[in-house]
Amino acid sequence: GTDRRWQGCFERAANDISTANTALNQAYSLVDSLDE
C-alpha cells in the first residue's frame, strides 16, 4: 500500500510534467510563427 501511494504521486507528477511540456512546446511553436 505504501509503494502504491508514492508511485501514484510520481505518476501524477510525470503526467503534470508531460502536460506542461506539451503546453510549452505549443507556446514555442506559436511564438515561432509570430510575424516580425
PDB file of all heavy atoms in Angstrom:
ATOM      1  N   GLY A   1       0.820  -1.210   0.000  1.00  0.00           N
ATOM      2  CA  GLY A   1       0.000   0.000   0.000  1.00  0.00           C
ATOM      3  C   GLY A   1       0.850   1.254   0.000  1.00  0.00           C
ATOM      4  O   GLY A   1       0.540   2.236  -0.668  1.00  0.00           O
ATOM      5  N   THR A   2       1.937   1.204   0.748  1.00  0.00           N
ATOM      6  CA  THR A   2       2.856   2.345   0.799  1.00  0.00           C
ATOM      7  C   THR A   2       3.499   2.554  -0.566  1.00  0.00           C
ATOM      8  O   THR A   2       3.599   3.676  -1.056  1.00  0.00           O
ATOM      9  CB  THR A   2       3.951   2.106   1.864  1.00  0.00           C
ATOM     10  OG1 THR A   2       3.331   1.860   3.116  1.00  0.00           O
ATOM     11  CG2 THR A   2       4.881   3.289   1.965  1.00  0.00           C
ATOM     12  N   ASP A   3       3.914   1.453  -1.176  1.00  0.00           N
ATOM     13  CA  ASP A   3       4.506   1.511  -2.518  1.00  0.00           C
ATOM     14  C   ASP A   3       3.568   2.176  -3.513  1.00  0.00           C
ATOM     15  O   ASP A   3       3.976   3.047  -4.268  1.00  0.00           O
ATOM     16  CB  ASP A   3       4.783   0.088  -3.017  1.00  0.00           C
ATOM     17  CG  ASP A   3       6.241  -0.288  -2.939  1.00  0.00           C
ATOM     18  OD1 ASP A   3       7.023   0.514  -2.423  1.00  0.00           O
ATOM     19  OD2 ASP A   3       6.578  -1.387  -3.414  1.00  0.00           O
ATOM     20  N   ARG A   4       2.329   1.739  -3.496  1.00  0.00           N
ATOM     21  CA  ARG A   4       1.353   2.266  -4.464  1.00  0.00           C
ATOM     22  C   ARG A   4       1.093   3.752  -4.270  1.00  0.00           C
ATOM     23  O   ARG A   4       0.909   4.483  -5.223  1.00  0.00           O
ATOM     24  CB  ARG A   4       0.045   1.479  -4.383  1.00  0.00           C
ATOM     25  CG  ARG A   4       0.093   0.212  -5.243  1.00  0.00           C
ATOM     26  CD  ARG A   4      -1.218  -0.508  -5.224  1.00  0.00           C
ATOM     27  NE  ARG A   4      -1.002  -1.587  -4.249  1.00  0.00           N
ATOM     28  CZ  ARG A   4      -1.866  -2.005  -3.376  1.00  0.00           C
ATOM     29  NH1 ARG A   4      -3.055  -1.491  -3.307  1.00  0.00           N
ATOM     30  NH2 ARG A   4      -1.574  -2.971  -2.542  1.00  0.00           N
ATOM     31  N   ARG A   5       1.089   4.192  -3.020  1.00  0.00           N
ATOM     32  CA  ARG A   5       0.823   5.616  -2.751  1.00  0.00           C
ATOM     33  C   ARG A   5       1.913   6.503  -3.330  1.00  0.00           C
ATOM     34  O   ARG A   5       1.641   7.475  -4.031  1.00  0.00           O
ATOM     35  CB  ARG A   5       0.650   5.865  -1.256  1.00  0.00           C
ATOM     36  CG  ARG A   5      -0.728   5.468  -0.746  1.00  0.00           C
ATOM     37  CD  ARG A   5      -0.976   6.039   0.638  1.00  0.00           C
ATOM     38  NE  ARG A   5       0.032   5.672   1.625  1.00  0.00           N
ATOM     39  CZ  ARG A   5      -0.043   4.624   2.425  1.00  0.00           C
ATOM     40  NH1 ARG A   5      -1.088   3.822   2.374  1.00  0.00           N
ATOM     41  NH2 ARG A   5       0.908   4.372   3.287  1.00  0.00           N
ATOM     42  N   TRP A   6       3.180   6.205  -3.028  1.00  0.00           N
ATOM     43  CA  TRP A   6       4.232   7.086  -3.542  1.00  0.00           C
ATOM     44  C   TRP A   6       4.409   6.910  -5.039  1.00  0.00           C
ATOM     45  O   TRP A   6       4.741   7.867  -5.747  1.00  0.00           O
ATOM     46  CB  TRP A   6       5.535   6.969  -2.769  1.00  0.00           C
ATOM     47  CG  TRP A   6       6.298   5.676  -2.858  1.00  0.00           C
ATOM     48  CD1 TRP A   6       6.284   4.660  -1.971  1.00  0.00           C
ATOM     49  CD2 TRP A   6       7.209   5.287  -3.886  1.00  0.00           C
ATOM     50  NE1 TRP A   6       7.110   3.650  -2.382  1.00  0.00           N
ATOM     51  CE2 TRP A   6       7.703   4.014  -3.560  1.00  0.00           C
ATOM     52  CE3 TRP A   6       7.654   5.883  -5.060  1.00  0.00           C
ATOM     53  CZ2 TRP A   6       8.608   3.325  -4.351  1.00  0.00           C
ATOM     54  CZ3 TRP A   6       8.560   5.194  -5.856  1.00  0.00           C
ATOM     55  CH2 TRP A   6       9.030   3.933  -5.494  1.00  0.00           C
ATOM     56  N   GLN A   7       4.167   5.708  -5.559  1.00  0.00           N
ATOM     57  CA  GLN A   7       4.246   5.529  -7.014  1.00  0.00           C
ATOM     58  C   GLN A   7       3.148   6.344  -7.713  1.00  0.00           C
ATOM     59  O   GLN A   7       3.381   6.918  -8.770  1.00  0.00           O
ATOM     60  CB  GLN A   7       4.140   4.056  -7.388  1.00  0.00           C
ATOM     61  CG  GLN A   7       5.412   3.288  -7.086  1.00  0.00           C
ATOM     62  CD  GLN A   7       5.257   1.798  -7.319  1.00  0.00           C
ATOM     63  OE1 GLN A   7       4.152   1.277  -7.373  1.00  0.00           O
ATOM     64  NE2 GLN A   7       6.384   1.105  -7.437  1.00  0.00           N
ATOM     65  N   GLY A   8       1.969   6.402  -7.082  1.00  0.00           N
ATOM     66  CA  GLY A   8       0.883   7.216  -7.631  1.00  0.00           C
ATOM     67  C   GLY A   8       1.257   8.687  -7.662  1.00  0.00           C
ATOM     68  O   GLY A   8       0.936   9.404  -8.620  1.00  0.00           O
ATOM     69  N   CYS A   9       1.959   9.154  -6.631  1.00  0.00           N
ATOM     70  CA  CYS A   9       2.421  10.547  -6.605  1.00  0.00           C
ATOM     71  C   CYS A   9       3.370  10.823  -7.761  1.00  0.00           C
ATOM     72  O   CYS A   9       3.261  11.851  -8.443  1.00  0.00           O
ATOM     73  CB  CYS A   9       3.127  10.854  -5.285  1.00  0.00           C
ATOM     74  SG  CYS A   9       2.031  10.918  -3.864  1.00  0.00           S
ATOM     75  N   PHE A  10       4.291   9.912  -8.013  1.00  0.00           N
ATOM     76  CA  PHE A  10       5.234  10.107  -9.115  1.00  0.00           C
ATOM     77  C   PHE A  10       4.543  10.000 -10.473  1.00  0.00           C
ATOM     78  O   PHE A  10       4.904  10.715 -11.411  1.00  0.00           O
ATOM     79  CB  PHE A  10       6.404   9.127  -9.016  1.00  0.00           C
ATOM     80  CG  PHE A  10       7.428   9.549  -8.005  1.00  0.00           C
ATOM     81  CD1 PHE A  10       7.498   8.931  -6.776  1.00  0.00           C
ATOM     82  CD2 PHE A  10       8.310  10.593  -8.280  1.00  0.00           C
ATOM     83  CE1 PHE A  10       8.435   9.332  -5.829  1.00  0.00           C
ATOM     84  CE2 PHE A  10       9.249  11.000  -7.349  1.00  0.00           C
ATOM     85  CZ  PHE A  10       9.310  10.373  -6.125  1.00  0.00           C
ATOM     86  N   GLU A  11       3.538   9.149 -10.593  1.00  0.00           N
ATOM     87  CA  GLU A  11       2.793   9.050 -11.849  1.00  0.00           C
ATOM     88  C   GLU A  11       2.047  10.353 -12.133  1.00  0.00           C
ATOM     89  O   GLU A  11       2.038  10.840 -13.265  1.00  0.00           O
ATOM     90  CB  GLU A  11       1.816   7.879 -11.806  1.00  0.00           C
ATOM     91  CG  GLU A  11       2.478   6.537 -11.951  1.00  0.00           C
ATOM     92  CD  GLU A  11       1.509   5.377 -11.777  1.00  0.00           C
ATOM     93  OE1 GLU A  11       0.283   5.584 -11.927  1.00  0.00           O
ATOM     94  OE2 GLU A  11       1.987   4.262 -11.501  1.00  0.00           O
ATOM     95  N   ARG A  12       1.430  10.922 -11.091  1.00  0.00           N
ATOM     96  CA  ARG A  12       0.735  12.205 -11.270  1.00  0.00           C
ATOM     97  C   ARG A  12       1.727  13.309 -11.645  1.00  0.00           C
ATOM     98  O   ARG A  12       1.457  14.132 -12.513  1.00  0.00           O
ATOM     99  CB  ARG A  12      -0.045  12.575 -10.012  1.00  0.00           C
ATOM    100  CG  ARG A  12      -1.326  11.758  -9.840  1.00  0.00           C
ATOM    101  CD  ARG A  12      -2.204  12.279  -8.719  1.00  0.00           C
ATOM    102  NE  ARG A  12      -1.570  12.282  -7.399  1.00  0.00           N
ATOM    103  CZ  ARG A  12      -1.425  11.211  -6.617  1.00  0.00           C
ATOM    104  NH1 ARG A  12      -1.882  10.038  -7.016  1.00  0.00           N
ATOM    105  NH2 ARG A  12      -0.850  11.319  -5.439  1.00  0.00           N
ATOM    106  N   ALA A  13       2.886  13.301 -10.983  1.00  0.00           N
ATOM    107  CA  ALA A  13       3.913  14.304 -11.304  1.00  0.00           C
ATOM    108  C   ALA A  13       4.383  14.140 -12.747  1.00  0.00           C
ATOM    109  O   ALA A  13       4.541  15.132 -13.471  1.00  0.00           O
ATOM    110  CB  ALA A  13       5.096  14.182 -10.343  1.00  0.00           C
ATOM    111  N   ALA A  14       4.585  12.904 -13.187  1.00  0.00           N
ATOM    112  CA  ALA A  14       5.010  12.650 -14.568  1.00  0.00           C
ATOM    113  C   ALA A  14       3.947  13.134 -15.557  1.00  0.00           C
ATOM    114  O   ALA A  14       4.277  13.729 -16.590  1.00  0.00           O
ATOM    115  CB  ALA A  14       5.300  11.175 -14.775  1.00  0.00           C
ATOM    116  N   ASN A  15       2.682  12.907 -15.234  1.00  0.00           N
ATOM    117  CA  ASN A  15       1.600  13.385 -16.103  1.00  0.00           C
ATOM    118  C   ASN A  15       1.565  14.914 -16.149  1.00  0.00           C
ATOM    119  O   ASN A  15       1.376  15.510 -17.210  1.00  0.00           O
ATOM    120  CB  ASN A  15       0.245  12.840 -15.641  1.00  0.00           C
ATOM    121  CG  ASN A  15       0.075  11.380 -15.933  1.00  0.00           C
ATOM    122  OD1 ASN A  15       0.715  10.828 -16.815  1.00  0.00           O
ATOM    123  ND2 ASN A  15      -0.791  10.724 -15.182  1.00  0.00           N
ATOM    124  N   ASP A  16       1.742  15.550 -14.989  1.00  0.00           N
ATOM    125  CA  ASP A  16       1.764  17.015 -14.940  1.00  0.00           C
ATOM    126  C   ASP A  16       2.938  17.574 -15.738  1.00  0.00           C
ATOM    127  O   ASP A  16       2.795  18.568 -16.460  1.00  0.00           O
ATOM    128  CB  ASP A  16       1.833  17.511 -13.492  1.00  0.00           C
ATOM    129  CG  ASP A  16       0.550  17.256 -12.712  1.00  0.00           C
ATOM    130  OD1 ASP A  16      -0.481  16.936 -13.336  1.00  0.00           O
ATOM    131  OD2 ASP A  16       0.589  17.386 -11.468  1.00  0.00           O
ATOM    132  N   ILE A  17       4.090  16.944 -15.622  1.00  0.00           N
ATOM    133  CA  ILE A  17       5.272  17.382 -16.372  1.00  0.00           C
ATOM    134  C   ILE A  17       5.028  17.225 -17.869  1.00  0.00           C
ATOM    135  O   ILE A  17       5.354  18.113 -18.659  1.00  0.00           O
ATOM    136  CB  ILE A  17       6.528  16.612 -15.914  1.00  0.00           C
ATOM    137  CG1 ILE A  17       6.951  17.091 -14.516  1.00  0.00           C
ATOM    138  CG2 ILE A  17       7.668  16.745 -16.923  1.00  0.00           C
ATOM    139  CD1 ILE A  17       8.022  16.249 -13.864  1.00  0.00           C
ATOM    140  N   SER A  18       4.430  16.120 -18.258  1.00  0.00           N
ATOM    141  CA  SER A  18       4.123  15.892 -19.675  1.00  0.00           C
ATOM    142  C   SER A  18       3.149  16.943 -20.207  1.00  0.00           C
ATOM    143  O   SER A  18       3.330  17.476 -21.313  1.00  0.00           O
ATOM    144  CB  SER A  18       3.538  14.485 -19.855  1.00  0.00           C
ATOM    145  OG  SER A  18       3.186  14.278 -21.197  1.00  0.00           O
ATOM    146  N   THR A  19       2.123  17.258 -19.420  1.00  0.00           N
ATOM    147  CA  THR A  19       1.150  18.283 -19.815  1.00  0.00           C
ATOM    148  C   THR A  19       1.825  19.647 -19.958  1.00  0.00           C
ATOM    149  O   THR A  19       1.598  20.370 -20.934  1.00  0.00           O
ATOM    150  CB  THR A  19       0.006  18.356 -18.785  1.00  0.00           C
ATOM    151  OG1 THR A  19      -0.648  17.085 -18.733  1.00  0.00           O
ATOM    152  CG2 THR A  19      -0.997  19.432 -19.141  1.00  0.00           C
ATOM    153  N   ALA A  20       2.677  19.987 -18.999  1.00  0.00           N
ATOM    154  CA  ALA A  20       3.396  21.262 -19.048  1.00  0.00           C
ATOM    155  C   ALA A  20       4.331  21.310 -20.249  1.00  0.00           C
ATOM    156  O   ALA A  20       4.425  22.333 -20.944  1.00  0.00           O
ATOM    157  CB  ALA A  20       4.180  21.482 -17.758  1.00  0.00           C
ATOM    158  N   ASN A  21       5.006  20.209 -20.528  1.00  0.00           N
ATOM    159  CA  ASN A  21       5.921  20.150 -21.669  1.00  0.00           C
ATOM    160  C   ASN A  21       5.164  20.344 -22.982  1.00  0.00           C
ATOM    161  O   ASN A  21       5.616  21.083 -23.867  1.00  0.00           O
ATOM    162  CB  ASN A  21       6.686  18.826 -21.673  1.00  0.00           C
ATOM    163  CG  ASN A  21       7.799  18.826 -22.680  1.00  0.00           C
ATOM    164  OD1 ASN A  21       8.580  19.762 -22.758  1.00  0.00           O
ATOM    165  ND2 ASN A  21       7.880  17.764 -23.464  1.00  0.00           N
ATOM    166  N   THR A  22       4.001  19.723 -23.099  1.00  0.00           N
ATOM    167  CA  THR A  22       3.181  19.886 -24.295  1.00  0.00           C
ATOM    168  C   THR A  22       2.766  21.340 -24.461  1.00  0.00           C
ATOM    169  O   THR A  22       2.854  21.902 -25.564  1.00  0.00           O
ATOM    170  CB  THR A  22       1.935  18.970 -24.220  1.00  0.00           C
ATOM    171  OG1 THR A  22       2.371  17.607 -24.159  1.00  0.00           O
ATOM    172  CG2 THR A  22       1.026  19.163 -25.415  1.00  0.00           C
ATOM    173  N   ALA A  23       2.329  21.961 -23.383  1.00  0.00           N
ATOM    174  CA  ALA A  23       1.904  23.361 -23.436  1.00  0.00           C
ATOM    175  C   ALA A  23       3.073  24.281 -23.810  1.00  0.00           C
ATOM    176  O   ALA A  23       2.912  25.200 -24.625  1.00  0.00           O
ATOM    177  CB  ALA A  23       1.300  23.789 -22.101  1.00  0.00           C
ATOM    178  N   LEU A  24       4.238  24.029 -23.241  1.00  0.00           N
ATOM    179  CA  LEU A  24       5.409  24.848 -23.569  1.00  0.00           C
ATOM    180  C   LEU A  24       5.821  24.680 -25.028  1.00  0.00           C
ATOM    181  O   LEU A  24       6.180  25.653 -25.699  1.00  0.00           O
ATOM    182  CB  LEU A  24       6.580  24.510 -22.647  1.00  0.00           C
ATOM    183  CG  LEU A  24       6.476  25.041 -21.222  1.00  0.00           C
ATOM    184  CD1 LEU A  24       7.541  24.411 -20.330  1.00  0.00           C
ATOM    185  CD2 LEU A  24       6.603  26.557 -21.210  1.00  0.00           C
ATOM    186  N   ASN A  25       5.760  23.462 -25.527  1.00  0.00           N
ATOM    187  CA  ASN A  25       6.100  23.238 -26.932  1.00  0.00           C
ATOM    188  C   ASN A  25       5.098  23.916 -27.858  1.00  0.00           C
ATOM    189  O   ASN A  25       5.471  24.458 -28.902  1.00  0.00           O
ATOM    190  CB  ASN A  25       6.209  21.742 -27.240  1.00  0.00           C
ATOM    191  CG  ASN A  25       7.526  21.170 -26.768  1.00  0.00           C
ATOM    192  OD1 ASN A  25       8.580  21.710 -27.056  1.00  0.00           O
ATOM    193  ND2 ASN A  25       7.466  20.079 -26.029  1.00  0.00           N
ATOM    194  N   GLN A  26       3.828  23.903 -27.485  1.00  0.00           N
ATOM    195  CA  GLN A  26       2.819  24.608 -28.274  1.00  0.00           C
ATOM    196  C   GLN A  26       3.081  26.108 -28.241  1.00  0.00           C
ATOM    197  O   GLN A  26       2.978  26.793 -29.270  1.00  0.00           O
ATOM    198  CB  GLN A  26       1.415  24.301 -27.754  1.00  0.00           C
ATOM    199  CG  GLN A  26       0.931  22.908 -28.076  1.00  0.00           C
ATOM    200  CD  GLN A  26      -0.393  22.581 -27.410  1.00  0.00           C
ATOM    201  OE1 GLN A  26      -0.803  23.243 -26.452  1.00  0.00           O
ATOM    202  NE2 GLN A  26      -1.058  21.555 -27.904  1.00  0.00           N
ATOM    203  N   ALA A  27       3.411  26.628 -27.074  1.00  0.00           N
ATOM    204  CA  ALA A  27       3.714  28.061 -26.947  1.00  0.00           C
ATOM    205  C   ALA A  27       4.924  28.420 -27.799  1.00  0.00           C
ATOM    206  O   ALA A  27       4.927  29.439 -28.496  1.00  0.00           O
ATOM    207  CB  ALA A  27       3.967  28.427 -25.477  1.00  0.00           C
ATOM    208  N   TYR A  28       5.942  27.574 -27.771  1.00  0.00           N
ATOM    209  CA  TYR A  28       7.146  27.821 -28.574  1.00  0.00           C
ATOM    210  C   TYR A  28       6.799  27.858 -30.063  1.00  0.00           C
ATOM    211  O   TYR A  28       7.262  28.734 -30.805  1.00  0.00           O
ATOM    212  CB  TYR A  28       8.196  26.745 -28.299  1.00  0.00           C
ATOM    213  CG  TYR A  28       9.526  27.033 -28.938  1.00  0.00           C
ATOM    214  CD1 TYR A  28      10.441  27.877 -28.328  1.00  0.00           C
ATOM    215  CD2 TYR A  28       9.867  26.470 -30.167  1.00  0.00           C
ATOM    216  CE1 TYR A  28      11.663  28.163 -28.911  1.00  0.00           C
ATOM    217  CE2 TYR A  28      11.083  26.755 -30.757  1.00  0.00           C
ATOM    218  CZ  TYR A  28      11.983  27.593 -30.124  1.00  0.00           C
ATOM    219  OH  TYR A  28      13.183  27.874 -30.715  1.00  0.00           O
ATOM    220  N   SER A  29       5.962  26.934 -30.485  1.00  0.00           N
ATOM    221  CA  SER A  29       5.533  26.886 -31.883  1.00  0.00           C
ATOM    222  C   SER A  29       4.759  28.147 -32.269  1.00  0.00           C
ATOM    223  O   SER A  29       4.954  28.703 -33.355  1.00  0.00           O
ATOM    224  CB  SER A  29       4.677  25.638 -32.116  1.00  0.00           C
ATOM    225  OG  SER A  29       4.222  25.588 -33.438  1.00  0.00           O
ATOM    226  N   LEU A  30       3.884  28.593 -31.381  1.00  0.00           N
ATOM    227  CA  LEU A  30       3.115  29.811 -31.649  1.00  0.00           C
ATOM    228  C   LEU A  30       4.017  31.038 -31.726  1.00  0.00           C
ATOM    229  O   LEU A  30       3.849  31.892 -32.606  1.00  0.00           O
ATOM    230  CB  LEU A  30       2.034  30.013 -30.589  1.00  0.00           C
ATOM    231  CG  LEU A  30       0.874  29.017 -30.649  1.00  0.00           C
ATOM    232  CD1 LEU A  30      -0.007  29.161 -29.410  1.00  0.00           C
ATOM    233  CD2 LEU A  30       0.065  29.217 -31.914  1.00  0.00           C
ATOM    234  N   VAL A  31       4.971  31.132 -30.816  1.00  0.00           N
ATOM    235  CA  VAL A  31       5.902  32.257 -30.843  1.00  0.00           C
ATOM    236  C   VAL A  31       6.719  32.228 -32.132  1.00  0.00           C
ATOM    237  O   VAL A  31       6.942  33.254 -32.776  1.00  0.00           O
ATOM    238  CB  VAL A  31       6.826  32.244 -29.601  1.00  0.00           C
ATOM    239  CG1 VAL A  31       8.006  33.185 -29.769  1.00  0.00           C
ATOM    240  CG2 VAL A  31       6.034  32.604 -28.354  1.00  0.00           C
ATOM    241  N   ASP A  32       7.132  31.024 -32.523  1.00  0.00           N
ATOM    242  CA  ASP A  32       7.920  30.879 -33.748  1.00  0.00           C
ATOM    243  C   ASP A  32       7.150  31.363 -34.975  1.00  0.00           C
ATOM    244  O   ASP A  32       7.744  31.847 -35.933  1.00  0.00           O
ATOM    245  CB  ASP A  32       8.348  29.423 -33.919  1.00  0.00           C
ATOM    246  CG  ASP A  32       9.389  29.247 -34.994  1.00  0.00           C
ATOM    247  OD1 ASP A  32      10.363  30.032 -35.010  1.00  0.00           O
ATOM    248  OD2 ASP A  32       9.232  28.340 -35.826  1.00  0.00           O
ATOM    249  N   SER A  33       5.831  31.245 -34.925  1.00  0.00           N
ATOM    250  CA  SER A  33       5.022  31.641 -36.077  1.00  0.00           C
ATOM    251  C   SER A  33       4.635  33.123 -36.073  1.00  0.00           C
ATOM    252  O   SER A  33       4.008  33.598 -37.018  1.00  0.00           O
ATOM    253  CB  SER A  33       3.747  30.779 -36.146  1.00  0.00           C
ATOM    254  OG  SER A  33       2.874  31.112 -35.089  1.00  0.00           O
ATOM    255  N   LEU A  34       5.012  33.853 -35.017  1.00  0.00           N
ATOM    256  CA  LEU A  34       4.678  35.273 -34.953  1.00  0.00           C
ATOM    257  C   LEU A  34       5.342  36.041 -36.090  1.00  0.00           C
ATOM    258  O   LEU A  34       6.509  35.812 -36.424  1.00  0.00           O
ATOM    259  CB  LEU A  34       5.121  35.886 -33.624  1.00  0.00           C
ATOM    260  CG  LEU A  34       4.338  35.468 -32.393  1.00  0.00           C
ATOM    261  CD1 LEU A  34       4.993  36.049 -31.140  1.00  0.00           C
ATOM    262  CD2 LEU A  34       2.898  35.905 -32.488  1.00  0.00           C
ATOM    263  N   ASP A  35       4.599  36.967 -36.650  1.00  0.00           N
ATOM    264  CA  ASP A  35       5.104  37.798 -37.730  1.00  0.00           C
ATOM    265  C   ASP A  35       5.958  38.922 -37.146  1.00  0.00           C
ATOM    266  O   ASP A  35       5.558  39.583 -36.195  1.00  0.00           O
ATOM    267  CB  ASP A  35       3.929  38.384 -38.511  1.00  0.00           C
ATOM    268  CG  ASP A  35       4.341  39.062 -39.799  1.00  0.00           C
ATOM    269  OD1 ASP A  35       5.550  39.025 -40.136  1.00  0.00           O
ATOM    270  OD2 ASP A  35       3.470  39.621 -40.468  1.00  0.00           O
ATOM    271  N   GLU A  36       7.127  39.124 -37.712  1.00  0.00           N
ATOM    272  CA  GLU A  36       8.040  40.161 -37.229  1.00  0.00           C
ATOM    273  C   GLU A  36       7.944  41.436 -38.062  1.00  0.00           C
ATOM    274  O   GLU A  36       8.686  42.383 -37.843  1.00  0.00           O
ATOM    275  CB  GLU A  36       9.479  39.644 -37.273  1.00  0.00           C
ATOM    276  CG  GLU A  36       9.719  38.444 -36.384  1.00  0.00           C
ATOM    277  CD  GLU A  36      11.097  37.822 -36.608  1.00  0.00           C
ATOM    278  OE1 GLU A  36      11.744  38.107 -37.619  1.00  0.00           O
ATOM    279  OE2 GLU A  36      11.495  37.034 -35.750  1.00  0.00           O
TER     280      GLU A  36
END
